[in-house]
């Protein structure tokens, strides 16, 4: 009887200890490094910089109190070297991590800021599951006074482990603000507050106390585009409209094999008569033409019929990402218009 009570007491202690450990265990986050300013030091803008391994960034950021962090160096390049080929590889890699590592609460991707919004939107459209992906970077190299990388990385990890982040897809964390990948854009070449969502604003503010959201999660788990069988993205070019623009650029990209064209139009998606004529010729050849605006914000109506397709409030670079993925599914203008309408 005495032995029974001892065993019962020991079992109770073990159960209590295990429960306490479970309550105090820090969530696991994977940080995937791709390079950019956040992983640089030295004369970055002068082209004479050194790159810092992602493991070193994680070690010096001081994030032990936030989560258990594992890191891997997926790439170590400026964001100008990241495009459709790397998007496909990164999206598949993140999906593989989520499938094989159920304990990973979320994934943080460090990235150069110049094309960050495009990579983030591609991931948002292609990565499955409720666990969040948070893309972050910095505007200042690590050895510059006022470097913003450590704070951005720490807050990105805070956002990735927050339970309210589930079901929100891919987001971008910069300057204490968390944005939907669909809405965010870079608005200034050097300022730390460069990332904004002109039409919709941030979805949350992140600080040492946590993430404070403006709205509840929609709770999605299925990606819009399944890229498992996609080897290459169709060529989609962006053509800028301006006073006196002729048809040369549009005709050239069609001749080069473009399957889609996004017009960064004046005002509400306008273009010159020469560009309009070239766009019609392109459409007659089966090229999908989407009109956006070069203004930085505002809507170009998607439309409901005819060959004309507007981007809504997607900027030209986001419209290019969506059009390239849409073309992996269909080349029917009506179906592509439907896809753009569904992404408003």
Protein backbone atom coordinates (compact mmCIF):
# COMPACT_ATOMS: atom_id res chain seq x y z
CA UNK A 1 0.00 0.00 0.00
CA UNK A 2 2.82 2.33 0.87
CA UNK A 3 4.59 1.55 -2.43
CA UNK A 4 1.35 2.22 -4.29
CA UNK A 5 1.04 5.67 -2.70
CA UNK A 6 4.68 6.47 -3.52
CA UNK A 7 4.19 5.45 -7.14
CA UNK A 8 1.00 7.51 -7.34
CA UNK A 9 2.77 10.52 -5.89
CA UNK A 10 5.69 10.15 -8.30
CA UNK A 11 3.30 9.82 -11.23
CA UNK A 12 1.46 12.98 -10.14
CA UNK A 13 4.74 14.87 -9.97
CA UNK A 14 5.77 13.66 -13.43
CA UNK A 15 2.41 14.62 -14.93
CA UNK A 16 2.53 18.05 -13.28
CA UNK A 17 6.11 18.56 -14.43
CA UNK A 18 5.24 17.56 -18.00
CA UNK A 19 2.23 19.86 -18.02
CA UNK A 20 4.30 22.76 -16.71
CA UNK A 21 6.97 22.08 -19.31
CA UNK A 22 4.36 22.01 -22.04
CA UNK A 23 2.98 25.34 -20.83
CA UNK A 24 6.40 26.99 -20.71
CA UNK A 25 7.84 25.44 -23.91
CA UNK A 26 8.58 28.13 -26.46
CA UNK A 27 7.04 27.81 -29.91
CA UNK A 28 9.30 26.74 -32.76
CA UNK A 29 9.93 29.10 -35.68
CA UNK A 30 11.99 28.50 -38.81
CA UNK A 31 13.87 31.51 -40.24
CA UNK A 32 14.73 31.11 -43.92
CA UNK A 33 17.38 33.54 -45.16
CA UNK A 34 17.54 34.75 -48.75
CA UNK A 35 19.92 37.72 -48.35
CA UNK A 36 19.27 41.41 -48.90
CA UNK A 37 20.18 44.45 -46.83
CA UNK A 38 19.21 42.75 -43.57
CA UNK A 39 22.00 40.24 -44.14
CA UNK A 40 24.65 42.75 -45.18
CA UNK A 41 27.38 44.93 -43.73
CA UNK A 42 29.86 47.40 -45.16
CA UNK A 43 29.30 49.68 -48.13
CA UNK A 44 26.06 48.05 -49.24
CA UNK A 45 24.88 50.77 -51.62
CA UNK A 46 28.39 51.25 -52.98
CA UNK A 47 28.51 47.62 -54.07
CA UNK A 48 31.24 46.67 -51.59
CA UNK A 49 29.33 44.83 -48.89
CA UNK A 50 29.78 41.59 -47.02
CA UNK A 51 26.97 39.16 -46.35
CA UNK A 52 26.13 37.91 -42.89
CA UNK A 53 24.88 34.30 -42.50
CA UNK A 54 21.30 33.98 -41.31
CA UNK A 55 22.43 32.00 -38.25
CA UNK A 56 24.50 35.02 -37.16
CA UNK A 57 21.53 37.36 -37.65
CA UNK A 58 19.35 35.14 -35.51
CA UNK A 59 22.03 34.87 -32.81
CA UNK A 60 22.57 38.62 -32.52
CA UNK A 61 18.89 39.61 -32.67
CA UNK A 62 18.30 38.51 -29.08
CA UNK A 63 15.08 36.55 -29.66
CA UNK A 64 15.53 33.68 -27.19
CA UNK A 65 12.67 34.98 -25.06
CA UNK A 66 10.26 35.00 -28.02
CA UNK A 67 10.64 31.52 -29.53
CA UNK A 68 12.89 28.60 -30.20
CA UNK A 69 14.40 29.48 -33.57
CA UNK A 70 15.99 27.33 -36.22
CA UNK A 71 17.52 28.95 -39.29
CA UNK A 72 18.71 27.99 -42.75
CA UNK A 73 20.42 29.86 -45.55
CA UNK A 74 18.22 29.24 -48.58
CA UNK A 75 19.84 32.01 -50.68
CA UNK A 76 22.21 34.88 -49.97
CA UNK A 77 21.57 37.39 -52.77
CA UNK A 78 20.09 40.87 -53.26
CA UNK A 79 16.39 40.86 -54.01
CA UNK A 80 17.06 41.97 -57.59
CA UNK A 81 18.39 38.43 -58.12
CA UNK A 82 15.11 36.84 -56.98
CA UNK A 83 12.40 36.21 -59.57
CA UNK A 84 10.00 33.54 -60.85
CA UNK A 85 12.52 30.67 -60.71
CA UNK A 86 13.38 31.42 -57.09
CA UNK A 87 9.71 32.03 -56.20
CA UNK A 88 8.82 28.51 -57.28
CA UNK A 89 11.74 27.00 -55.36
CA UNK A 90 11.07 29.00 -52.19
CA UNK A 91 7.33 28.32 -52.18
CA UNK A 92 7.89 24.58 -52.58
CA UNK A 93 10.56 24.59 -49.87
CA UNK A 94 8.29 26.36 -47.39
CA UNK A 95 5.46 23.94 -48.19
CA UNK A 96 7.83 21.01 -47.64
CA UNK A 97 8.87 22.39 -44.24
CA UNK A 98 5.26 22.76 -43.17
CA UNK A 99 4.45 19.23 -44.29
CA UNK A 100 7.47 17.60 -42.65
CA UNK A 101 7.72 19.75 -39.50
CA UNK A 102 4.35 19.87 -37.73
CA UNK A 103 5.93 21.53 -34.69
CA UNK A 104 6.97 24.61 -36.67
CA UNK A 105 4.52 27.34 -35.66
CA UNK A 106 5.40 29.67 -38.52
CA UNK A 107 8.14 30.59 -40.97
CA UNK A 108 9.99 33.89 -41.27
CA UNK A 109 11.69 34.73 -44.57
CA UNK A 110 14.40 37.41 -44.61
CA UNK A 111 14.52 39.15 -47.97
CA UNK A 112 15.83 42.23 -49.74
CA UNK A 113 13.26 45.01 -49.82
CA UNK A 114 13.31 45.96 -53.52
CA UNK A 115 11.21 42.98 -54.66
CA UNK A 116 9.99 41.80 -51.27
CA UNK A 117 6.35 42.60 -52.01
CA UNK A 118 6.35 40.42 -55.14
CA UNK A 119 7.91 37.41 -53.44
CA UNK A 120 5.53 37.76 -50.51
CA UNK A 121 2.46 37.94 -52.77
CA UNK A 122 3.59 34.88 -54.71
CA UNK A 123 3.98 32.94 -51.45
CA UNK A 124 0.57 34.17 -50.30
CA UNK A 125 -1.03 32.73 -53.44
CA UNK A 126 0.80 29.39 -53.41
CA UNK A 127 1.61 28.20 -49.85
CA UNK A 128 -1.05 26.00 -48.27
CA UNK A 129 -2.07 25.68 -44.64
CA UNK A 130 -3.06 27.93 -41.75
CA UNK A 131 0.43 28.49 -40.39
CA UNK A 132 1.76 31.96 -41.22
CA UNK A 133 4.68 33.04 -43.36
CA UNK A 134 6.14 36.42 -42.40
CA UNK A 135 8.57 38.14 -44.78
CA UNK A 136 10.88 40.79 -43.37
CA UNK A 137 14.06 42.69 -44.17
CA UNK A 138 15.71 46.01 -43.43
CA UNK A 139 16.40 49.36 -45.04
CA UNK A 140 19.77 49.79 -43.32
CA UNK A 141 22.77 47.44 -43.26
CA UNK A 142 23.57 45.81 -39.95
CA UNK A 143 26.56 48.03 -39.18
CA UNK A 144 24.81 51.33 -39.94
CA UNK A 145 23.69 53.59 -37.08
CA UNK A 146 20.00 52.93 -36.49
CA UNK A 147 19.99 49.55 -38.24
CA UNK A 148 16.40 48.30 -38.36
CA UNK A 149 17.09 44.63 -39.11
CA UNK A 150 17.22 43.23 -35.56
CA UNK A 151 13.92 44.82 -34.56
CA UNK A 152 12.22 43.73 -37.78
CA UNK A 153 13.46 40.15 -37.39
CA UNK A 154 12.39 39.98 -33.74
CA UNK A 155 8.93 41.38 -34.50
CA UNK A 156 8.53 39.08 -37.49
CA UNK A 157 9.14 36.13 -35.17
CA UNK A 158 6.68 37.58 -32.65
CA UNK A 159 4.09 37.75 -35.43
CA UNK A 160 4.86 34.23 -36.66
CA UNK A 161 4.24 32.64 -33.25
CA UNK A 162 1.10 34.65 -32.49
CA UNK A 163 -1.97 32.40 -32.59
CA UNK A 164 -3.98 35.21 -34.18
CA UNK A 165 -1.68 35.03 -37.21
CA UNK A 166 -3.06 31.64 -38.22
CA UNK A 167 -5.09 31.66 -41.40
CA UNK A 168 -3.79 35.04 -42.57
CA UNK A 169 -1.48 33.66 -45.27
CA UNK A 170 1.78 35.45 -46.01
CA UNK A 171 2.45 38.83 -44.42
CA UNK A 172 5.20 41.45 -44.45
CA UNK A 173 6.64 42.88 -41.23
CA UNK A 174 8.52 46.16 -41.45
CA UNK A 175 8.88 49.09 -39.02
CA UNK A 176 6.60 47.55 -36.33
CA UNK A 177 3.76 47.15 -38.83
CA UNK A 178 2.36 43.89 -40.18
CA UNK A 179 0.84 44.00 -43.65
CA UNK A 180 -1.07 41.63 -45.89
CA UNK A 181 1.24 40.51 -48.69
CA UNK A 182 -1.45 41.44 -51.18
CA UNK A 183 -1.72 45.05 -50.05
CA UNK A 184 1.80 46.16 -49.14
CA UNK A 185 4.19 48.08 -51.38
CA UNK A 186 7.52 49.87 -51.07
CA UNK A 187 6.94 53.62 -51.32
CA UNK A 188 10.35 55.19 -50.67
CA UNK A 189 13.86 54.24 -51.75
CA UNK A 190 15.60 54.74 -48.37
CA UNK A 191 13.27 55.50 -45.45
CA UNK A 192 12.62 52.82 -42.82
CA UNK A 193 8.88 53.53 -42.97
CA UNK A 194 8.84 52.84 -46.72
CA UNK A 195 6.43 49.88 -46.63
CA UNK A 196 2.80 50.94 -46.71
CA UNK A 197 -0.58 49.63 -47.82
CA UNK A 198 -2.03 52.79 -49.40
CA UNK A 199 -5.63 51.61 -49.68
CA UNK A 200 -5.96 49.37 -46.62
CA UNK A 201 -3.26 50.08 -44.06
CA UNK A 202 -1.49 47.57 -41.78
CA UNK A 203 -3.39 44.58 -40.40
CA UNK A 204 -1.55 44.74 -37.07
CA UNK A 205 0.97 46.65 -34.99
CA UNK A 206 3.70 44.47 -33.45
CA UNK A 207 5.70 45.50 -30.39
CA UNK A 208 7.25 43.80 -27.31
CA UNK A 209 3.78 43.24 -25.85
CA UNK A 210 2.61 41.27 -28.88
CA UNK A 211 0.67 41.71 -32.11
CA UNK A 212 -2.45 43.86 -32.11
CA UNK A 213 -4.73 43.13 -35.06
CA UNK A 214 -7.33 45.37 -36.66
CA UNK A 215 -9.54 42.47 -37.70
CA UNK A 216 -10.07 38.76 -37.19
CA UNK A 217 -8.48 36.18 -39.45
CA UNK A 218 -10.51 34.89 -42.37
CA UNK A 219 -9.09 31.43 -41.61
CA UNK A 220 -7.92 30.07 -44.95
CA UNK A 221 -5.88 26.92 -45.54
CA UNK A 222 -6.01 26.15 -49.28
CA UNK A 223 -3.73 28.09 -51.65
CA UNK A 224 -5.29 29.63 -54.72
CA UNK A 225 -2.68 28.11 -57.02
CA UNK A 226 -1.19 24.63 -56.89
CA UNK A 227 2.33 24.91 -58.34
CA UNK A 228 3.44 21.31 -57.80
CA UNK A 229 3.28 20.59 -61.53
CA UNK A 230 4.52 23.99 -62.69
CA UNK A 231 8.06 23.98 -64.08
CA UNK A 232 8.21 27.60 -65.28
CA UNK A 233 5.96 30.62 -64.98
CA UNK A 234 4.66 32.12 -68.24
CA UNK A 235 6.40 35.30 -69.34
CA UNK A 236 4.51 38.40 -68.23
CA UNK A 237 5.96 41.87 -68.85
CA UNK A 238 5.12 45.28 -67.39
CA UNK A 239 4.89 48.19 -69.84
CA UNK A 240 4.99 51.75 -68.49
CA UNK A 241 2.74 54.36 -70.03
CA UNK A 242 3.80 58.00 -70.33
CA UNK A 243 3.11 61.04 -72.48
CA UNK A 244 3.99 60.24 -76.08
CA UNK A 245 4.65 56.51 -75.51
CA UNK A 246 4.61 54.50 -78.74
CA UNK A 247 3.92 50.85 -79.54
CA UNK A 248 7.54 49.63 -79.68
CA UNK A 249 7.76 48.16 -76.15
CA UNK A 250 4.47 46.25 -76.40
CA UNK A 251 5.27 44.86 -79.86
CA UNK A 252 8.74 43.85 -78.64
CA UNK A 253 7.59 41.82 -75.63
CA UNK A 254 4.95 40.08 -77.74
CA UNK A 255 7.67 39.16 -80.25
CA UNK A 256 9.79 37.90 -77.34
CA UNK A 257 7.05 35.46 -76.33
CA UNK A 258 5.09 37.26 -73.62
CA UNK A 259 1.89 35.45 -72.67
CA UNK A 260 0.67 38.38 -70.62
CA UNK A 261 1.24 42.13 -70.37
CA UNK A 262 0.48 44.49 -67.52
CA UNK A 263 0.15 48.14 -68.49
CA UNK A 264 1.26 50.57 -65.76
CA UNK A 265 -1.17 53.14 -67.09
CA UNK A 266 -1.61 56.83 -66.47
CA UNK A 267 -4.42 57.83 -64.14
CA UNK A 268 -7.07 55.13 -64.05
CA UNK A 269 -5.18 52.78 -66.35
CA UNK A 270 -4.99 55.01 -69.42
CA UNK A 271 -2.47 54.70 -72.25
CA UNK A 272 -1.66 56.45 -75.50
CA UNK A 273 -3.48 55.60 -78.72
CA UNK A 274 -0.33 53.90 -80.06
CA UNK A 275 -0.17 51.70 -76.97
CA UNK A 276 -3.90 50.96 -77.20
CA UNK A 277 -3.50 49.82 -80.81
CA UNK A 278 -0.54 47.63 -79.83
CA UNK A 279 -2.48 46.17 -76.90
CA UNK A 280 -5.32 45.21 -79.23
CA UNK A 281 -2.87 43.55 -81.61
CA UNK A 282 -1.42 41.63 -78.67
CA UNK A 283 -4.88 40.51 -77.53
CA UNK A 284 -5.66 39.33 -81.07
CA UNK A 285 -2.61 37.06 -80.79
CA UNK A 286 -3.90 35.56 -77.53
CA UNK A 287 -1.79 37.69 -75.16
CA UNK A 288 -3.68 38.65 -72.00
CA UNK A 289 -3.49 42.39 -71.30
CA UNK A 290 -4.22 43.76 -67.82
CA UNK A 291 -4.29 47.48 -67.08
CA UNK A 292 -3.08 48.89 -63.77
CA UNK A 293 -2.00 52.36 -62.66
CA UNK A 294 1.40 53.94 -62.22
CA UNK A 295 0.04 56.40 -59.59
CA UNK A 296 0.87 54.22 -56.58
CA UNK A 297 -2.68 53.73 -55.33
CA UNK A 298 -6.25 53.63 -56.54
CA UNK A 299 -8.39 51.22 -58.51
CA UNK A 300 -8.60 50.26 -62.16
CA UNK A 301 -11.94 48.43 -62.47
CA UNK A 302 -11.50 44.75 -63.32
CA UNK A 303 -14.55 44.86 -65.58
CA UNK A 304 -17.17 42.26 -66.41
CA UNK A 305 -16.97 41.67 -70.16
CA UNK A 306 -14.91 42.20 -73.31
CA UNK A 307 -11.14 41.86 -73.64
CA UNK A 308 -10.31 44.61 -71.14
CA UNK A 309 -9.17 43.43 -67.70
CA UNK A 310 -8.30 45.86 -64.92
CA UNK A 311 -6.13 45.06 -61.92
CA UNK A 312 -8.46 46.50 -59.30
CA UNK A 313 -6.23 48.03 -56.62
CA UNK A 314 -3.30 45.70 -57.30
CA UNK A 315 -0.25 47.69 -58.37
CA UNK A 316 1.52 46.68 -61.61
CA UNK A 317 4.05 44.36 -59.96
CA UNK A 318 1.38 42.55 -57.95
CA UNK A 319 -0.84 42.30 -61.03
CA UNK A 320 2.08 40.68 -62.86
CA UNK A 321 2.43 38.02 -60.14
CA UNK A 322 -1.29 37.21 -60.21
CA UNK A 323 -1.45 37.17 -64.02
CA UNK A 324 1.54 34.83 -64.30
CA UNK A 325 -0.07 32.38 -61.88
CA UNK A 326 -3.47 32.73 -63.55
CA UNK A 327 -1.88 31.83 -66.88
CA UNK A 328 -0.66 28.53 -65.41
CA UNK A 329 -4.34 27.63 -65.12
CA UNK A 330 -6.01 29.20 -68.16
CA UNK A 331 -5.52 31.57 -71.09
CA UNK A 332 -9.23 32.38 -71.33
CA UNK A 333 -9.74 36.15 -70.74
CA UNK A 334 -13.09 35.59 -69.02
CA UNK A 335 -11.56 33.10 -66.58
CA UNK A 336 -8.61 35.38 -65.87
CA UNK A 337 -10.97 38.30 -65.27
CA UNK A 338 -12.80 36.09 -62.77
CA UNK A 339 -9.52 35.34 -60.98
CA UNK A 340 -8.76 39.07 -60.72
CA UNK A 341 -12.25 39.75 -59.42
CA UNK A 342 -11.81 37.04 -56.78
CA UNK A 343 -8.60 38.71 -55.59
CA UNK A 344 -10.09 42.12 -54.85
